[in-house]
Amino acid sequence: KVVPVSSASAAEMVKLLENTFRVVNIALVNEIMTLCDRFGLSIWEIIDAAKTKPYGFMPFYPGPGVGGHCISVDPLYLSWKAKKHGFETKFIDLATSVNDAMPQYVVDRLEGILLERKKTLEESNILIVGVAYKKDVKDLRESPALDIIRILETRGAKVSYYDPLFPYLKIKGIDLKRAPFTKAFLKRQDCVIIATAHSSLNGLFLT
């Protein structure tokens, strides 16, 4: 369906608004998720209950960050353009800061879980499942899973990955071959992080 607007500039602003709306709301739910962790609450339970309200609430879900060529880039372009006009986009800048911090948050949470088991990152085998920026898409652009891998490797963890869409990763300092997704390999892992839940992975851990 074609929705006409008054100009090309208006059409571009429509796209920027929609993408910024998503990135701001993802940042909000990511921040609430980190707060729920502090409170000992499940963000999934909170969202499921909140979305029963018949109006005024649109569910967004937390994750390891944002990626792709739209919502991770367009709001930054809008922020840059706004500064050219003497305007500060506080929501966009704050949302970007929150979402950019999520890969580090994932690693920090992982480190805490490992320490409870008397293990360190340096002596741990970590499997990242799903490296695309979103499910069922063969696209690595701005994927937060790549940031998680880089942070873990920098911290000395033994990192491997599995993604049915990517037989190897050779991008921006990462050089890995897809790990075998077998029971024997999984048993050797200290932790498995599902960064991108492709549909083809549904039930895979139960077999």
Foldseek 3Di string as FASTA:
>chain_A
DDDDDDDPVVVLVVLLVVLLVQLLVQLVLQVVCVVCVVVVHHSVVVQVVVVVPPDDDDDDHYAQAAFDDGNLPSLVVVQVVCVVVVDHDVSSVVSNVSRVCRLVVVVVVVQVVVVVVVDGQQPFEEEEEDQDREAPDLHNGGRSSVVNVVVSVVRNHNYAYAYPNDQWDDPDPDGYGHDDPDPVVVVRGPYYHHRYDYPVCVCVVVD
